[in-house]
Amino acid sequence: KIIVNISPSVFAEEYAHLFGLSDKPVCYFVKGILSQFLGSLLDRNLVFEEVNCVAKGDSSCDFIASM
């Protein structure tokens, strides 16, 4: 299992500032970068799930991937 914590998350903070709090995670771009970058480094197909998001009011954006 891979866990990535991003704090501060500029993308999520800006989203919340512009649109208010979201009811679901919004860091799709970051999730894609993590999947491709770390997947390439580890030579594995990784799919990340965002479990916490600053745009939802959480303290950080947390992503989990299983190998």
N, C-alpha and C. Protein backbone atom coordinates (compact mmCIF):
# COMPACT_ATOMS: atom_id res chain seq x y z
N LYS A 1 0.84 -1.17 0.00
CA LYS A 1 0.00 0.00 0.00
C LYS A 1 0.89 1.24 0.00
N ILE A 2 0.52 2.22 -0.78
CA ILE A 2 1.25 3.49 -0.84
C ILE A 2 0.31 4.60 -0.36
N ILE A 3 0.79 5.42 0.55
CA ILE A 3 0.02 6.55 1.06
C ILE A 3 0.80 7.82 0.78
N VAL A 4 0.14 8.80 0.16
CA VAL A 4 0.76 10.09 -0.14
C VAL A 4 -0.09 11.18 0.50
N ASN A 5 0.58 12.04 1.26
CA ASN A 5 -0.08 13.17 1.92
C ASN A 5 0.42 14.44 1.28
N ILE A 6 -0.51 15.28 0.82
CA ILE A 6 -0.13 16.55 0.21
C ILE A 6 -0.74 17.68 1.04
N SER A 7 0.15 18.46 1.62
CA SER A 7 -0.28 19.58 2.45
C SER A 7 0.81 20.64 2.42
N PRO A 8 0.54 21.83 1.99
CA PRO A 8 -0.75 22.32 1.52
C PRO A 8 -1.01 21.89 0.08
N SER A 9 -2.26 21.80 -0.26
CA SER A 9 -2.67 21.47 -1.62
C SER A 9 -3.21 22.75 -2.26
N VAL A 10 -2.39 23.37 -3.08
CA VAL A 10 -2.76 24.63 -3.70
C VAL A 10 -4.01 24.48 -4.55
N PHE A 11 -4.10 23.38 -5.30
CA PHE A 11 -5.27 23.17 -6.16
C PHE A 11 -6.55 23.09 -5.34
N ALA A 12 -6.55 22.29 -4.28
CA ALA A 12 -7.75 22.12 -3.46
C ALA A 12 -8.10 23.38 -2.69
N GLU A 13 -7.09 24.09 -2.20
CA GLU A 13 -7.34 25.35 -1.49
C GLU A 13 -7.97 26.38 -2.42
N GLU A 14 -7.46 26.47 -3.63
CA GLU A 14 -8.01 27.42 -4.60
C GLU A 14 -9.43 27.04 -4.99
N TYR A 15 -9.68 25.75 -5.16
CA TYR A 15 -11.04 25.28 -5.48
C TYR A 15 -12.01 25.71 -4.38
N ALA A 16 -11.64 25.46 -3.12
CA ALA A 16 -12.51 25.81 -1.99
C ALA A 16 -12.70 27.31 -1.90
N HIS A 17 -11.66 28.06 -2.22
CA HIS A 17 -11.76 29.52 -2.19
C HIS A 17 -12.73 30.03 -3.25
N LEU A 18 -12.66 29.47 -4.44
CA LEU A 18 -13.50 29.93 -5.55
C LEU A 18 -14.93 29.41 -5.49
N PHE A 19 -15.11 28.14 -5.10
CA PHE A 19 -16.42 27.50 -5.21
C PHE A 19 -17.03 27.09 -3.88
N GLY A 20 -16.31 27.24 -2.79
CA GLY A 20 -16.80 26.77 -1.49
C GLY A 20 -16.43 25.31 -1.30
N LEU A 21 -16.78 24.79 -0.15
CA LEU A 21 -16.44 23.40 0.15
C LEU A 21 -17.18 22.43 -0.77
N SER A 22 -16.48 21.37 -1.14
CA SER A 22 -17.03 20.34 -2.01
C SER A 22 -17.53 19.18 -1.17
N ASP A 23 -18.43 18.39 -1.73
CA ASP A 23 -18.90 17.19 -1.02
C ASP A 23 -18.09 15.94 -1.42
N LYS A 24 -17.12 16.11 -2.35
CA LYS A 24 -16.28 14.99 -2.77
C LYS A 24 -14.88 15.52 -3.10
N PRO A 25 -13.89 14.65 -3.14
CA PRO A 25 -12.53 15.08 -3.48
C PRO A 25 -12.48 15.68 -4.89
N VAL A 26 -11.56 16.64 -5.09
CA VAL A 26 -11.50 17.33 -6.37
C VAL A 26 -10.12 17.29 -7.03
N CYS A 27 -9.17 16.61 -6.44
CA CYS A 27 -7.78 16.65 -6.93
C CYS A 27 -7.52 15.59 -8.00
N TYR A 28 -8.30 15.59 -9.06
CA TYR A 28 -8.16 14.60 -10.12
C TYR A 28 -6.82 14.73 -10.84
N PHE A 29 -6.38 15.96 -11.05
CA PHE A 29 -5.12 16.21 -11.73
C PHE A 29 -3.95 15.63 -10.93
N VAL A 30 -3.94 15.90 -9.63
CA VAL A 30 -2.88 15.39 -8.75
C VAL A 30 -2.93 13.87 -8.71
N LYS A 31 -4.13 13.32 -8.63
CA LYS A 31 -4.29 11.86 -8.59
C LYS A 31 -3.71 11.22 -9.86
N GLY A 32 -3.93 11.83 -10.99
CA GLY A 32 -3.38 11.32 -12.25
C GLY A 32 -1.87 11.40 -12.31
N ILE A 33 -1.32 12.51 -11.82
CA ILE A 33 0.13 12.67 -11.80
C ILE A 33 0.76 11.61 -10.89
N LEU A 34 0.19 11.42 -9.72
CA LEU A 34 0.71 10.40 -8.80
C LEU A 34 0.67 9.02 -9.44
N SER A 35 -0.44 8.69 -10.06
CA SER A 35 -0.58 7.37 -10.68
C SER A 35 0.47 7.14 -11.75
N GLN A 36 0.65 8.12 -12.61
CA GLN A 36 1.59 7.96 -13.72
C GLN A 36 3.05 8.05 -13.27
N PHE A 37 3.37 9.03 -12.44
CA PHE A 37 4.75 9.24 -12.03
C PHE A 37 5.25 8.09 -11.15
N LEU A 38 4.53 7.81 -10.07
CA LEU A 38 4.96 6.73 -9.17
C LEU A 38 4.84 5.37 -9.83
N GLY A 39 3.81 5.20 -10.67
CA GLY A 39 3.67 3.95 -11.41
C GLY A 39 4.85 3.71 -12.33
N SER A 40 5.33 4.77 -12.99
CA SER A 40 6.49 4.64 -13.87
C SER A 40 7.75 4.33 -13.08
N LEU A 41 7.93 5.00 -11.94
CA LEU A 41 9.11 4.76 -11.12
C LEU A 41 9.15 3.32 -10.59
N LEU A 42 7.99 2.81 -10.21
CA LEU A 42 7.92 1.48 -9.63
C LEU A 42 7.64 0.39 -10.66
N ASP A 43 7.42 0.80 -11.91
CA ASP A 43 7.10 -0.12 -13.01
C ASP A 43 5.88 -0.97 -12.65
N ARG A 44 4.84 -0.28 -12.18
CA ARG A 44 3.58 -0.93 -11.81
C ARG A 44 2.41 -0.06 -12.26
N ASN A 45 1.26 -0.68 -12.42
CA ASN A 45 0.04 0.05 -12.73
C ASN A 45 -0.62 0.44 -11.40
N LEU A 46 -0.53 1.71 -11.04
CA LEU A 46 -1.09 2.18 -9.78
C LEU A 46 -2.35 3.00 -10.02
N VAL A 47 -3.35 2.78 -9.20
CA VAL A 47 -4.57 3.59 -9.23
C VAL A 47 -4.76 4.16 -7.83
N PHE A 48 -4.70 5.47 -7.74
CA PHE A 48 -4.84 6.14 -6.45
C PHE A 48 -6.28 6.50 -6.17
N GLU A 49 -6.63 6.50 -4.90
CA GLU A 49 -7.93 6.97 -4.44
C GLU A 49 -7.67 8.11 -3.46
N GLU A 50 -8.36 9.22 -3.64
CA GLU A 50 -8.22 10.35 -2.72
C GLU A 50 -9.22 10.16 -1.58
N VAL A 51 -8.70 9.97 -0.38
CA VAL A 51 -9.55 9.67 0.77
C VAL A 51 -9.85 10.91 1.61
N ASN A 52 -8.99 11.91 1.56
CA ASN A 52 -9.23 13.20 2.22
C ASN A 52 -8.88 14.30 1.25
N CYS A 53 -9.56 15.44 1.36
CA CYS A 53 -9.31 16.54 0.43
C CYS A 53 -9.54 17.87 1.15
N VAL A 54 -8.61 18.78 0.96
CA VAL A 54 -8.73 20.12 1.55
C VAL A 54 -10.00 20.81 1.07
N ALA A 55 -10.39 20.56 -0.16
CA ALA A 55 -11.60 21.18 -0.71
C ALA A 55 -12.87 20.70 -0.01
N LYS A 56 -12.78 19.56 0.69
CA LYS A 56 -13.92 19.05 1.48
C LYS A 56 -13.87 19.56 2.91
N GLY A 57 -12.79 20.25 3.27
CA GLY A 57 -12.63 20.73 4.63
C GLY A 57 -11.64 19.92 5.45
N ASP A 58 -11.02 18.89 4.84
CA ASP A 58 -10.02 18.10 5.54
C ASP A 58 -8.72 18.91 5.67
N SER A 59 -7.85 18.50 6.57
CA SER A 59 -6.62 19.24 6.82
C SER A 59 -5.55 19.01 5.74
N SER A 60 -5.67 17.95 4.97
CA SER A 60 -4.72 17.66 3.90
C SER A 60 -5.39 16.80 2.84
N CYS A 61 -4.72 16.68 1.71
CA CYS A 61 -5.19 15.78 0.66
C CYS A 61 -4.39 14.49 0.78
N ASP A 62 -5.08 13.39 1.00
CA ASP A 62 -4.44 12.09 1.21
C ASP A 62 -4.88 11.12 0.13
N PHE A 63 -3.89 10.46 -0.46
CA PHE A 63 -4.13 9.51 -1.53
C PHE A 63 -3.59 8.15 -1.13
N ILE A 64 -4.31 7.09 -1.49
CA ILE A 64 -3.89 5.73 -1.20
C ILE A 64 -3.92 4.92 -2.49
N ALA A 65 -2.85 4.16 -2.71
CA ALA A 65 -2.81 3.24 -3.84
C ALA A 65 -2.42 1.86 -3.34
N SER A 66 -3.04 0.89 -3.90
CA SER A 66 -2.66 -0.50 -3.60
C SER A 66 -1.88 -1.02 -4.78
N MET A 67 -0.90 -1.88 -4.48
CA MET A 67 -0.08 -2.42 -5.55
C MET A 67 -0.57 -3.78 -5.95
